[in-house]
């Protein structure tokens, strides 16, 4: 009978030890899960920031293209104004004012992006 009680006690102690180890593993897995969730949040924030940056870069590139087009048009207009054609000078001066306003808007937008 003592032998049986001893075996049962040993078996119960082994079960308790196994249960303790399982609980340690579960606690470790929970910590890993919390850490993984934090890392996922960091990655999502990084992705969001990169998407905003990409959006800003796309807008900035579009504005730069417009700026280049306005500069090209302005340089072409200067050539026409120098040609001194009376019928077109007024029209080009009005266009020049429009281009200048647009160019100022572009510079303002480039400063914001």
PDB file of N, CA and C in Angstrom:
ATOM      1  N   UNK A   1       0.823  -1.185   0.000  1.00  0.00           N
ATOM      2  CA  UNK A   1       0.000   0.000   0.000  1.00  0.00           C
ATOM      3  C   UNK A   1       0.868   1.250   0.000  1.00  0.00           C
ATOM      4  N   UNK A   2       1.940   1.228   0.783  1.00  0.00           N
ATOM      5  CA  UNK A   2       2.847   2.380   0.797  1.00  0.00           C
ATOM      6  C   UNK A   2       3.462   2.594  -0.579  1.00  0.00           C
ATOM      7  N   UNK A   3       3.762   1.506  -1.218  1.00  0.00           N
ATOM      8  CA  UNK A   3       4.331   1.579  -2.578  1.00  0.00           C
ATOM      9  C   UNK A   3       3.336   2.268  -3.525  1.00  0.00           C
ATOM     10  N   UNK A   4       2.079   1.901  -3.446  1.00  0.00           N
ATOM     11  CA  UNK A   4       1.034   2.479  -4.286  1.00  0.00           C
ATOM     12  C   UNK A   4       0.893   3.980  -4.006  1.00  0.00           C
ATOM     13  N   UNK A   5       0.853   4.364  -2.730  1.00  0.00           N
ATOM     14  CA  UNK A   5       0.733   5.767  -2.351  1.00  0.00           C
ATOM     15  C   UNK A   5       1.941   6.546  -2.855  1.00  0.00           C
ATOM     16  N   UNK A   6       3.104   5.958  -2.749  1.00  0.00           N
ATOM     17  CA  UNK A   6       4.327   6.608  -3.221  1.00  0.00           C
ATOM     18  C   UNK A   6       4.277   6.814  -4.734  1.00  0.00           C
ATOM     19  N   UNK A   7       3.827   5.790  -5.458  1.00  0.00           N
ATOM     20  CA  UNK A   7       3.723   5.906  -6.922  1.00  0.00           C
ATOM     21  C   UNK A   7       2.700   6.981  -7.319  1.00  0.00           C
ATOM     22  N   UNK A   8       1.560   6.991  -6.618  1.00  0.00           N
ATOM     23  CA  UNK A   8       0.522   7.986  -6.912  1.00  0.00           C
ATOM     24  C   UNK A   8       1.024   9.400  -6.597  1.00  0.00           C
ATOM     25  N   UNK A   9       1.730   9.545  -5.491  1.00  0.00           N
ATOM     26  CA  UNK A   9       2.280  10.848  -5.117  1.00  0.00           C
ATOM     27  C   UNK A   9       3.274  11.316  -6.172  1.00  0.00           C
ATOM     28  N   UNK A  10       4.144  10.416  -6.598  1.00  0.00           N
ATOM     29  CA  UNK A  10       5.126  10.749  -7.639  1.00  0.00           C
ATOM     30  C   UNK A  10       4.414  11.135  -8.935  1.00  0.00           C
ATOM     31  N   UNK A  11       3.381  10.371  -9.285  1.00  0.00           N
ATOM     32  CA  UNK A  11       2.639  10.656 -10.509  1.00  0.00           C
ATOM     33  C   UNK A  11       1.957  12.029 -10.402  1.00  0.00           C
ATOM     34  N   UNK A  12       1.355  12.321  -9.262  1.00  0.00           N
ATOM     35  CA  UNK A  12       0.712  13.623  -9.072  1.00  0.00           C
ATOM     36  C   UNK A  12       1.727  14.762  -9.124  1.00  0.00           C
ATOM     37  N   UNK A  13       2.894  14.555  -8.513  1.00  0.00           N
ATOM     38  CA  UNK A  13       3.948  15.573  -8.564  1.00  0.00           C
ATOM     39  C   UNK A  13       4.419  15.798 -10.001  1.00  0.00           C
ATOM     40  N   UNK A  14       4.536  14.716 -10.765  1.00  0.00           N
ATOM     41  CA  UNK A  14       4.925  14.829 -12.182  1.00  0.00           C
ATOM     42  C   UNK A  14       3.860  15.587 -12.985  1.00  0.00           C
ATOM     43  N   UNK A  15       2.594  15.292 -12.685  1.00  0.00           N
ATOM     44  CA  UNK A  15       1.501  15.994 -13.375  1.00  0.00           C
ATOM     45  C   UNK A  15       1.529  17.483 -13.031  1.00  0.00           C
ATOM     46  N   UNK A  16       1.733  17.790 -11.744  1.00  0.00           N
ATOM     47  CA  UNK A  16       1.818  19.194 -11.329  1.00  0.00           C
ATOM     48  C   UNK A  16       2.998  19.908 -11.988  1.00  0.00           C
ATOM     49  N   UNK A  17       4.138  19.239 -12.070  1.00  0.00           N
ATOM     50  CA  UNK A  17       5.318  19.826 -12.726  1.00  0.00           C
ATOM     51  C   UNK A  17       5.041  20.064 -14.213  1.00  0.00           C
ATOM     52  N   UNK A  18       4.408  19.083 -14.853  1.00  0.00           N
ATOM     53  CA  UNK A  18       4.058  19.228 -16.274  1.00  0.00           C
ATOM     54  C   UNK A  18       3.083  20.406 -16.457  1.00  0.00           C
ATOM     55  N   UNK A  19       2.105  20.506 -15.562  1.00  0.00           N
ATOM     56  CA  UNK A  19       1.129  21.598 -15.606  1.00  0.00           C
ATOM     57  C   UNK A  19       1.838  22.951 -15.442  1.00  0.00           C
ATOM     58  N   UNK A  20       2.801  23.016 -14.535  1.00  0.00           N
ATOM     59  CA  UNK A  20       3.565  24.249 -14.319  1.00  0.00           C
ATOM     60  C   UNK A  20       4.323  24.645 -15.588  1.00  0.00           C
ATOM     61  N   UNK A  21       4.953  23.655 -16.233  1.00  0.00           N
ATOM     62  CA  UNK A  21       5.703  23.930 -17.475  1.00  0.00           C
ATOM     63  C   UNK A  21       4.774  24.402 -18.590  1.00  0.00           C
ATOM     64  N   UNK A  22       3.614  23.774 -18.696  1.00  0.00           N
ATOM     65  CA  UNK A  22       2.638  24.180 -19.714  1.00  0.00           C
ATOM     66  C   UNK A  22       2.208  25.624 -19.465  1.00  0.00           C
ATOM     67  N   UNK A  23       1.953  25.967 -18.204  1.00  0.00           N
ATOM     68  CA  UNK A  23       1.569  27.348 -17.875  1.00  0.00           C
ATOM     69  C   UNK A  23       2.688  28.332 -18.206  1.00  0.00           C
ATOM     70  N   UNK A  24       3.937  27.940 -17.966  1.00  0.00           N
ATOM     71  CA  UNK A  24       5.071  28.804 -18.329  1.00  0.00           C
ATOM     72  C   UNK A  24       5.117  29.020 -19.839  1.00  0.00           C
ATOM     73  N   UNK A  25       4.912  27.939 -20.579  1.00  0.00           N
ATOM     74  CA  UNK A  25       4.910  28.056 -22.048  1.00  0.00           C
ATOM     75  C   UNK A  25       3.779  28.970 -22.514  1.00  0.00           C
ATOM     76  N   UNK A  26       2.595  28.820 -21.907  1.00  0.00           N
ATOM     77  CA  UNK A  26       1.466  29.681 -22.279  1.00  0.00           C
ATOM     78  C   UNK A  26       1.759  31.145 -21.964  1.00  0.00           C
ATOM     79  N   UNK A  27       2.356  31.392 -20.806  1.00  0.00           N
ATOM     80  CA  UNK A  27       2.708  32.768 -20.440  1.00  0.00           C
ATOM     81  C   UNK A  27       3.723  33.337 -21.426  1.00  0.00           C
ATOM     82  N   UNK A  28       4.690  32.517 -21.812  1.00  0.00           N
ATOM     83  CA  UNK A  28       5.695  32.960 -22.778  1.00  0.00           C
ATOM     84  C   UNK A  28       5.048  33.255 -24.133  1.00  0.00           C
ATOM     85  N   UNK A  29       4.124  32.383 -24.544  1.00  0.00           N
ATOM     86  CA  UNK A  29       3.423  32.609 -25.810  1.00  0.00           C
ATOM     87  C   UNK A  29       2.581  33.886 -25.758  1.00  0.00           C
ATOM     88  N   UNK A  30       1.946  34.151 -24.626  1.00  0.00           N
ATOM     89  CA  UNK A  30       1.168  35.383 -24.481  1.00  0.00           C
ATOM     90  C   UNK A  30       2.071  36.609 -24.588  1.00  0.00           C
ATOM     91  N   UNK A  31       3.248  36.546 -23.975  1.00  0.00           N
ATOM     92  CA  UNK A  31       4.208  37.654 -24.082  1.00  0.00           C
ATOM     93  C   UNK A  31       4.641  37.845 -25.530  1.00  0.00           C
ATOM     94  N   UNK A  32       4.906  36.725 -26.216  1.00  0.00           N
ATOM     95  CA  UNK A  32       5.293  36.805 -27.627  1.00  0.00           C
ATOM     96  C   UNK A  32       4.174  37.419 -28.466  1.00  0.00           C
ATOM     97  N   UNK A  33       2.937  37.051 -28.143  1.00  0.00           N
ATOM     98  CA  UNK A  33       1.798  37.587 -28.879  1.00  0.00           C
ATOM     99  C   UNK A  33       1.662  39.092 -28.657  1.00  0.00           C
ATOM    100  N   UNK A  34       1.826  39.530 -27.418  1.00  0.00           N
ATOM    101  CA  UNK A  34       1.763  40.968 -27.113  1.00  0.00           C
ATOM    102  C   UNK A  34       2.872  41.699 -27.865  1.00  0.00           C
ATOM    103  N   UNK A  35       4.075  41.125 -27.853  1.00  0.00           N
ATOM    104  CA  UNK A  35       5.205  41.734 -28.566  1.00  0.00           C
ATOM    105  C   UNK A  35       4.918  41.782 -30.073  1.00  0.00           C
ATOM    106  N   UNK A  36       4.377  40.694 -30.612  1.00  0.00           N
ATOM    107  CA  UNK A  36       4.068  40.645 -32.046  1.00  0.00           C
ATOM    108  C   UNK A  36       3.016  41.694 -32.409  1.00  0.00           C
ATOM    109  N   UNK A  37       2.027  41.880 -31.533  1.00  0.00           N
ATOM    110  CA  UNK A  37       0.995  42.895 -31.804  1.00  0.00           C
ATOM    111  C   UNK A  37       1.600  44.294 -31.800  1.00  0.00           C
ATOM    112  N   UNK A  38       2.522  44.549 -30.868  1.00  0.00           N
ATOM    113  CA  UNK A  38       3.197  45.861 -30.843  1.00  0.00           C
ATOM    114  C   UNK A  38       3.990  46.072 -32.128  1.00  0.00           C
ATOM    115  N   UNK A  39       4.699  45.039 -32.551  1.00  0.00           N
ATOM    116  CA  UNK A  39       5.483  45.137 -33.790  1.00  0.00           C
ATOM    117  C   UNK A  39       4.566  45.356 -34.991  1.00  0.00           C
ATOM    118  N   UNK A  40       3.420  44.675 -34.994  1.00  0.00           N
ATOM    119  CA  UNK A  40       2.464  44.856 -36.085  1.00  0.00           C
ATOM    120  C   UNK A  40       1.959  46.299 -36.121  1.00  0.00           C
ATOM    121  N   UNK A  41       1.669  46.870 -34.937  1.00  0.00           N
ATOM    122  CA  UNK A  41       1.223  48.262 -34.877  1.00  0.00           C
ATOM    123  C   UNK A  41       2.305  49.203 -35.399  1.00  0.00           C
ATOM    124  N   UNK A  42       3.564  48.924 -35.030  1.00  0.00           N
ATOM    125  CA  UNK A  42       4.671  49.756 -35.524  1.00  0.00           C
ATOM    126  C   UNK A  42       4.774  49.660 -37.042  1.00  0.00           C
ATOM    127  N   UNK A  43       4.665  48.431 -37.562  1.00  0.00           N
ATOM    128  CA  UNK A  43       4.750  48.245 -39.014  1.00  0.00           C
ATOM    129  C   UNK A  43       3.593  48.946 -39.718  1.00  0.00           C
ATOM    130  N   UNK A  44       2.390  48.833 -39.163  1.00  0.00           N
ATOM    131  CA  UNK A  44       1.241  49.511 -39.768  1.00  0.00           C
ATOM    132  C   UNK A  44       1.433  51.022 -39.762  1.00  0.00           C
ATOM    133  N   UNK A  45       1.970  51.550 -38.672  1.00  0.00           N
ATOM    134  CA  UNK A  45       2.235  52.995 -38.606  1.00  0.00           C
ATOM    135  C   UNK A  45       3.289  53.389 -39.639  1.00  0.00           C
ATOM    136  N   UNK A  46       4.312  52.550 -39.796  1.00  0.00           N
ATOM    137  CA  UNK A  46       5.355  52.824 -40.789  1.00  0.00           C
ATOM    138  C   UNK A  46       4.777  52.786 -42.198  1.00  0.00           C
ATOM    139  N   UNK A  47       3.939  51.785 -42.462  1.00  0.00           N
ATOM    140  CA  UNK A  47       3.303  51.673 -43.784  1.00  0.00           C
ATOM    141  C   UNK A  47       2.436  52.898 -44.052  1.00  0.00           C
ATOM    142  N   UNK A  48       1.668  53.310 -43.047  1.00  0.00           N
ATOM    143  CA  UNK A  48       0.814  54.490 -43.202  1.00  0.00           C
ATOM    144  C   UNK A  48       1.649  55.739 -43.477  1.00  0.00           C
ATOM    145  N   UNK A  49       2.744  55.877 -42.746  1.00  0.00           N
ATOM    146  CA  UNK A  49       3.624  57.039 -42.956  1.00  0.00           C
ATOM    147  C   UNK A  49       4.229  57.009 -44.357  1.00  0.00           C
ATOM    148  N   UNK A  50       4.639  55.817 -44.802  1.00  0.00           N
ATOM    149  CA  UNK A  50       5.210  55.693 -46.148  1.00  0.00           C
ATOM    150  C   UNK A  50       4.170  56.000 -47.219  1.00  0.00           C
ATOM    151  N   UNK A  51       2.926  55.560 -46.996  1.00  0.00           N
ATOM    152  CA  UNK A  51       1.872  55.860 -47.966  1.00  0.00           C
ATOM    153  C   UNK A  51       1.606  57.361 -48.032  1.00  0.00           C
ATOM    154  N   UNK A  52       1.611  58.030 -46.868  1.00  0.00           N
ATOM    155  CA  UNK A  52       1.436  59.486 -46.863  1.00  0.00           C
ATOM    156  C   UNK A  52       2.598  60.166 -47.576  1.00  0.00           C
ATOM    157  N   UNK A  53       3.804  59.670 -47.312  1.00  0.00           N
ATOM    158  CA  UNK A  53       4.989  60.248 -47.957  1.00  0.00           C
ATOM    159  C   UNK A  53       4.918  60.045 -49.460  1.00  0.00           C
ATOM    160  N   UNK A  54       4.495  58.833 -49.875  1.00  0.00           N
ATOM    161  CA  UNK A  54       4.371  58.548 -51.306  1.00  0.00           C
ATOM    162  C   UNK A  54       3.331  59.469 -51.930  1.00  0.00           C
ATOM    163  N   UNK A  55       2.209  59.643 -51.246  1.00  0.00           N
ATOM    164  CA  UNK A  55       1.161  60.535 -51.743  1.00  0.00           C
ATOM    165  C   UNK A  55       1.698  61.956 -51.872  1.00  0.00           C
ATOM    166  N   UNK A  56       2.432  62.398 -50.850  1.00  0.00           N
ATOM    167  CA  UNK A  56       3.030  63.732 -50.892  1.00  0.00           C
ATOM    168  C   UNK A  56       4.040  63.858 -52.010  1.00  0.00           C
ATOM    169  N   UNK A  57       4.834  62.798 -52.206  1.00  0.00           N
ATOM    170  CA  UNK A  57       5.835  62.828 -53.279  1.00  0.00           C
ATOM    171  C   UNK A  57       5.152  62.864 -54.639  1.00  0.00           C
ATOM    172  N   UNK A  58       4.058  62.098 -54.800  1.00  0.00           N
ATOM    173  CA  UNK A  58       3.331  62.128 -56.067  1.00  0.00           C
ATOM    174  C   UNK A  58       2.783  63.523 -56.336  1.00  0.00           C
ATOM    175  N   UNK A  59       2.226  64.145 -55.301  1.00  0.00           N
ATOM    176  CA  UNK A  59       1.702  65.505 -55.464  1.00  0.00           C
ATOM    177  C   UNK A  59       2.834  66.469 -55.789  1.00  0.00           C
ATOM    178  N   UNK A  60       3.956  66.307 -55.105  1.00  0.00           N
ATOM    179  CA  UNK A  60       5.091  67.200 -55.344  1.00  0.00           C
ATOM    180  C   UNK A  60       5.627  67.012 -56.765  1.00  0.00           C
ATOM    181  N   UNK A  61       5.696  65.749 -57.221  1.00  0.00           N
ATOM    182  CA  UNK A  61       6.178  65.501 -58.579  1.00  0.00           C
ATOM    183  C   UNK A  61       5.237  66.126 -59.602  1.00  0.00           C
ATOM    184  N   UNK A  62       3.926  66.013 -59.372  1.00  0.00           N
ATOM    185  CA  UNK A  62       2.962  66.609 -60.297  1.00  0.00           C
ATOM    186  C   UNK A  62       3.126  68.125 -60.324  1.00  0.00           C
ATOM    187  N   UNK A  63       3.300  68.724 -59.154  1.00  0.00           N
ATOM    188  CA  UNK A  63       3.500  70.176 -59.107  1.00  0.00           C
ATOM    189  C   UNK A  63       4.798  70.579 -59.798  1.00  0.00           C
ATOM    190  N   UNK A  64       5.841  69.769 -59.628  1.00  0.00           N
ATOM    191  CA  UNK A  64       7.113  70.073 -60.290  1.00  0.00           C
ATOM    192  C   UNK A  64       6.953  70.004 -61.809  1.00  0.00           C
ATOM    193  N   UNK A  65       6.178  69.021 -62.293  1.00  0.00           N
ATOM    194  CA  UNK A  65       5.942  68.926 -63.731  1.00  0.00           C
ATOM    195  C   UNK A  65       5.202  70.166 -64.232  1.00  0.00           C
ATOM    196  N   UNK A  66       4.177  70.605 -63.476  1.00  0.00           N
ATOM    197  CA  UNK A  66       3.462  71.814 -63.863  1.00  0.00           C
ATOM    198  C   UNK A  66       4.394  73.012 -63.852  1.00  0.00           C
ATOM    199  N   UNK A  67       5.240  73.086 -62.829  1.00  0.00           N
ATOM    200  CA  UNK A  67       6.186  74.202 -62.730  1.00  0.00           C
ATOM    201  C   UNK A  67       7.093  74.219 -63.962  1.00  0.00           C
ATOM    202  N   UNK A  68       7.588  73.044 -64.345  1.00  0.00           N
ATOM    203  CA  UNK A  68       8.450  72.962 -65.525  1.00  0.00           C
ATOM    204  C   UNK A  68       7.707  73.420 -66.778  1.00  0.00           C
ATOM    205  N   UNK A  69       6.441  73.006 -66.904  1.00  0.00           N
ATOM    206  CA  UNK A  69       5.656  73.422 -68.070  1.00  0.00           C
ATOM    207  C   UNK A  69       5.446  74.934 -68.084  1.00  0.00           C
ATOM    208  N   UNK A  70       5.133  75.503 -66.922  1.00  0.00           N
ATOM    209  CA  UNK A  70       4.951  76.957 -66.856  1.00  0.00           C
ATOM    210  C   UNK A  70       6.250  77.691 -67.170  1.00  0.00           C
ATOM    211  N   UNK A  71       7.366  77.175 -66.678  1.00  0.00           N
ATOM    212  CA  UNK A  71       8.650  77.818 -66.984  1.00  0.00           C
ATOM    213  C   UNK A  71       8.931  77.764 -68.483  1.00  0.00           C
ATOM    214  N   UNK A  72       8.647  76.623 -69.096  1.00  0.00           N
ATOM    215  CA  UNK A  72       8.853  76.484 -70.536  1.00  0.00           C
ATOM    216  C   UNK A  72       7.957  77.459 -71.299  1.00  0.00           C
ATOM    217  N   UNK A  73       6.682  77.503 -70.914  1.00  0.00           N
ATOM    218  CA  UNK A  73       5.754  78.409 -71.583  1.00  0.00           C
ATOM    219  C   UNK A  73       6.174  79.859 -71.384  1.00  0.00           C
ATOM    220  N   UNK A  74       6.617  80.182 -70.188  1.00  0.00           N
ATOM    221  CA  UNK A  74       7.056  81.549 -69.909  1.00  0.00           C
ATOM    222  C   UNK A  74       8.273  81.908 -70.764  1.00  0.00           C
ATOM    223  N   UNK A  75       9.210  80.969 -70.903  1.00  0.00           N
ATOM    224  CA  UNK A  75      10.389  81.261 -71.728  1.00  0.00           C
ATOM    225  C   UNK A  75       9.986  81.450 -73.190  1.00  0.00           C
ATOM    226  N   UNK A  76       8.999  80.684 -73.652  1.00  0.00           N
ATOM    227  CA  UNK A  76       8.524  80.846 -75.031  1.00  0.00           C
ATOM    228  C   UNK A  76       7.830  82.198 -75.189  1.00  0.00           C
ATOM    229  N   UNK A  77       7.075  82.603 -74.170  1.00  0.00           N
ATOM    230  CA  UNK A  77       6.374  83.888 -74.240  1.00  0.00           C
ATOM    231  C   UNK A  77       7.355  85.041 -74.321  1.00  0.00           C
ATOM    232  N   UNK A  78       8.446  84.959 -73.581  1.00  0.00           N
ATOM    233  CA  UNK A  78       9.434  86.038 -73.615  1.00  0.00           C
ATOM    234  C   UNK A  78       9.931  86.244 -75.041  1.00  0.00           C
ATOM    235  N   UNK A  79      10.119  85.161 -75.759  1.00  0.00           N
ATOM    236  CA  UNK A  79      10.543  85.261 -77.151  1.00  0.00           C
ATOM    237  C   UNK A  79       9.504  85.969 -78.004  1.00  0.00           C
ATOM    238  N   UNK A  80       8.218  85.672 -77.761  1.00  0.00           N
ATOM    239  CA  UNK A  80       7.160  86.334 -78.519  1.00  0.00           C
ATOM    240  C   UNK A  80       7.076  87.813 -78.178  1.00  0.00           C
ATOM    241  N   UNK A  81       7.250  88.156 -76.908  1.00  0.00           N
ATOM    242  CA  UNK A  81       7.175  89.565 -76.523  1.00  0.00           C
ATOM    243  C   UNK A  81       8.324  90.347 -77.154  1.00  0.00           C
ATOM    244  N   UNK A  82       9.484  89.734 -77.230  1.00  0.00           N
ATOM    245  CA  UNK A  82      10.631  90.399 -77.848  1.00  0.00           C
ATOM    246  C   UNK A  82      10.367  90.630 -79.335  1.00  0.00           C
ATOM    247  N   UNK A  83       9.614  89.729 -79.961  1.00  0.00           N
ATOM    248  CA  UNK A  83       9.303  89.883 -81.382  1.00  0.00           C
ATOM    249  C   UNK A  83       8.482  91.154 -81.634  1.00  0.00           C
ATOM    250  N   UNK A  84       7.826  91.675 -80.597  1.00  0.00           N
ATOM    251  CA  UNK A  84       7.141  92.974 -80.660  1.00  0.00           C
ATOM    252  C   UNK A  84       6.035  93.002 -81.708  1.00  0.00           C
ATOM    253  N   UNK A  85       5.142  92.019 -81.651  1.00  0.00           N
ATOM    254  CA  UNK A  85       3.972  92.038 -82.523  1.00  0.00           C
ATOM    255  C   UNK A  85       2.833  92.717 -81.770  1.00  0.00           C
ATOM    256  N   UNK A  86       2.375  93.887 -82.246  1.00  0.00           N
ATOM    257  CA  UNK A  86       1.386  94.671 -81.491  1.00  0.00           C
ATOM    258  C   UNK A  86       0.083  93.917 -81.213  1.00  0.00           C
ATOM    259  N   UNK A  87      -0.340  93.051 -82.120  1.00  0.00           N
ATOM    260  CA  UNK A  87      -1.629  92.385 -81.928  1.00  0.00           C
ATOM    261  C   UNK A  87      -1.545  91.314 -80.840  1.00  0.00           C
ATOM    262  N   UNK A  88      -0.355  90.810 -80.561  1.00  0.00           N
ATOM    263  CA  UNK A  88      -0.254  89.693 -79.623  1.00  0.00           C
ATOM    264  C   UNK A  88       0.316  90.087 -78.269  1.00  0.00           C
ATOM    265  N   UNK A  89       0.947  91.261 -78.194  1.00  0.00           N
ATOM    266  CA  UNK A  89       1.623  91.618 -76.940  1.00  0.00           C
ATOM    267  C   UNK A  89       0.634  91.656 -75.777  1.00  0.00           C
ATOM    268  N   UNK A  90      -0.523  92.321 -75.955  1.00  0.00           N
ATOM    269  CA  UNK A  90      -1.509  92.400 -74.869  1.00  0.00           C
ATOM    270  C   UNK A  90      -1.974  91.020 -74.430  1.00  0.00           C
ATOM    271  N   UNK A  91      -2.249  90.172 -75.411  1.00  0.00           N
ATOM    272  CA  UNK A  91      -2.686  88.806 -75.083  1.00  0.00           C
ATOM    273  C   UNK A  91      -1.629  88.059 -74.299  1.00  0.00           C
ATOM    274  N   UNK A  92      -0.385  88.204 -74.712  1.00  0.00           N
ATOM    275  CA  UNK A  92       0.688  87.507 -74.002  1.00  0.00           C
ATOM    276  C   UNK A  92       0.939  88.100 -72.624  1.00  0.00           C
ATOM    277  N   UNK A  93       0.736  89.426 -72.498  1.00  0.00           N
ATOM    278  CA  UNK A  93       0.910  90.026 -71.172  1.00  0.00           C
ATOM    279  C   UNK A  93      -0.135  89.489 -70.210  1.00  0.00           C
ATOM    280  N   UNK A  94      -1.384  89.347 -70.694  1.00  0.00           N
ATOM    281  CA  UNK A  94      -2.431  88.763 -69.845  1.00  0.00           C
ATOM    282  C   UNK A  94      -2.085  87.316 -69.491  1.00  0.00           C
ATOM    283  N   UNK A  95      -1.595  86.596 -70.493  1.00  0.00           N
ATOM    284  CA  UNK A  95      -1.201  85.209 -70.249  1.00  0.00           C
ATOM    285  C   UNK A  95      -0.035  85.162 -69.273  1.00  0.00           C
ATOM    286  N   UNK A  96       0.876  86.119 -69.404  1.00  0.00           N
ATOM    287  CA  UNK A  96       2.025  86.183 -68.498  1.00  0.00           C
ATOM    288  C   UNK A  96       1.558  86.388 -67.059  1.00  0.00           C
ATOM    289  N   UNK A  97       0.557  87.261 -66.850  1.00  0.00           N
ATOM    290  CA  UNK A  97       0.019  87.466 -65.503  1.00  0.00           C
ATOM    291  C   UNK A  97      -0.591  86.177 -64.963  1.00  0.00           C
ATOM    292  N   UNK A  98      -1.325  85.474 -65.834  1.00  0.00           N
ATOM    293  CA  UNK A  98      -1.928  84.204 -65.418  1.00  0.00           C
ATOM    294  C   UNK A  98      -0.847  83.204 -65.035  1.00  0.00           C
ATOM    295  N   UNK A  99       0.177  83.126 -65.859  1.00  0.00           N
ATOM    296  CA  UNK A  99       1.270  82.194 -65.579  1.00  0.00           C
ATOM    297  C   UNK A  99       1.978  82.573 -64.290  1.00  0.00           C
ATOM    298  N   UNK A 100       2.205  83.863 -64.093  1.00  0.00           N
ATOM    299  CA  UNK A 100       2.880  84.308 -62.870  1.00  0.00           C
ATOM    300  C   UNK A 100       2.059  83.925 -61.648  1.00  0.00           C
ATOM    301  N   UNK A 101       0.736  84.140 -61.711  1.00  0.00           N
ATOM    302  CA  UNK A 101      -0.123  83.756 -60.583  1.00  0.00           C
ATOM    303  C   UNK A 101      -0.045  82.252 -60.343  1.00  0.00           C
ATOM    304  N   UNK A 102      -0.121  81.478 -61.419  1.00  0.00           N
ATOM    305  CA  UNK A 102      -0.046  80.021 -61.282  1.00  0.00           C
ATOM    306  C   UNK A 102       1.295  79.607 -60.699  1.00  0.00           C
ATOM    307  N   UNK A 103       2.344  80.247 -61.144  1.00  0.00           N
ATOM    308  CA  UNK A 103       3.678  79.905 -60.662  1.00  0.00           C
ATOM    309  C   UNK A 103       3.791  80.186 -59.167  1.00  0.00           C
ATOM    310  N   UNK A 104       3.207  81.295 -58.726  1.00  0.00           N
ATOM    311  CA  UNK A 104       3.191  81.606 -57.290  1.00  0.00           C
ATOM    312  C   UNK A 104       2.406  80.527 -56.548  1.00  0.00           C
ATOM    313  N   UNK A 105       1.255  80.120 -57.110  1.00  0.00           N
ATOM    314  CA  UNK A 105       0.466  79.057 -56.481  1.00  0.00           C
ATOM    315  C   UNK A 105       1.280  77.765 -56.400  1.00  0.00           C
ATOM    316  N   UNK A 106       1.990  77.462 -57.467  1.00  0.00           N
ATOM    317  CA  UNK A 106       2.806  76.243 -57.478  1.00  0.00           C
ATOM    318  C   UNK A 106       3.887  76.326 -56.412  1.00  0.00           C
ATOM    319  N   UNK A 107       4.552  77.465 -56.315  1.00  0.00           N
ATOM    320  CA  UNK A 107       5.598  77.611 -55.297  1.00  0.00           C
ATOM    321  C   UNK A 107       5.018  77.469 -53.893  1.00  0.00           C
ATOM    322  N   UNK A 108       3.839  78.030 -53.686  1.00  0.00           N
ATOM    323  CA  UNK A 108       3.185  77.900 -52.377  1.00  0.00           C
ATOM    324  C   UNK A 108       2.885  76.428 -52.104  1.00  0.00           C
ATOM    325  N   UNK A 109       2.332  75.727 -53.105  1.00  0.00           N
ATOM    326  CA  UNK A 109       2.011  74.311 -52.932  1.00  0.00           C
ATOM    327  C   UNK A 109       3.272  73.487 -52.697  1.00  0.00           C
ATOM    328  N   UNK A 110       4.337  73.782 -53.411  1.00  0.00           N
ATOM    329  CA  UNK A 110       5.587  73.043 -53.203  1.00  0.00           C
ATOM    330  C   UNK A 110       6.092  73.236 -51.787  1.00  0.00           C
ATOM    331  N   UNK A 111       5.863  74.404 -51.233  1.00  0.00           N
ATOM    332  CA  UNK A 111       6.267  74.644 -49.847  1.00  0.00           C
ATOM    333  C   UNK A 111       5.439  73.845 -48.862  1.00  0.00           C
ATOM    334  N   UNK A 112       4.200  73.546 -49.210  1.00  0.00           N
ATOM    335  CA  UNK A 112       3.313  72.800 -48.303  1.00  0.00           C
ATOM    336  C   UNK A 112       3.560  71.310 -48.362  1.00  0.00           C
ATOM    337  N   UNK A 113       3.929  70.792 -49.515  1.00  0.00           N
ATOM    338  CA  UNK A 113       4.058  69.340 -49.697  1.00  0.00           C
ATOM    339  C   UNK A 113       5.288  68.842 -48.978  1.00  0.00           C
TER     340      UNK A 113
END
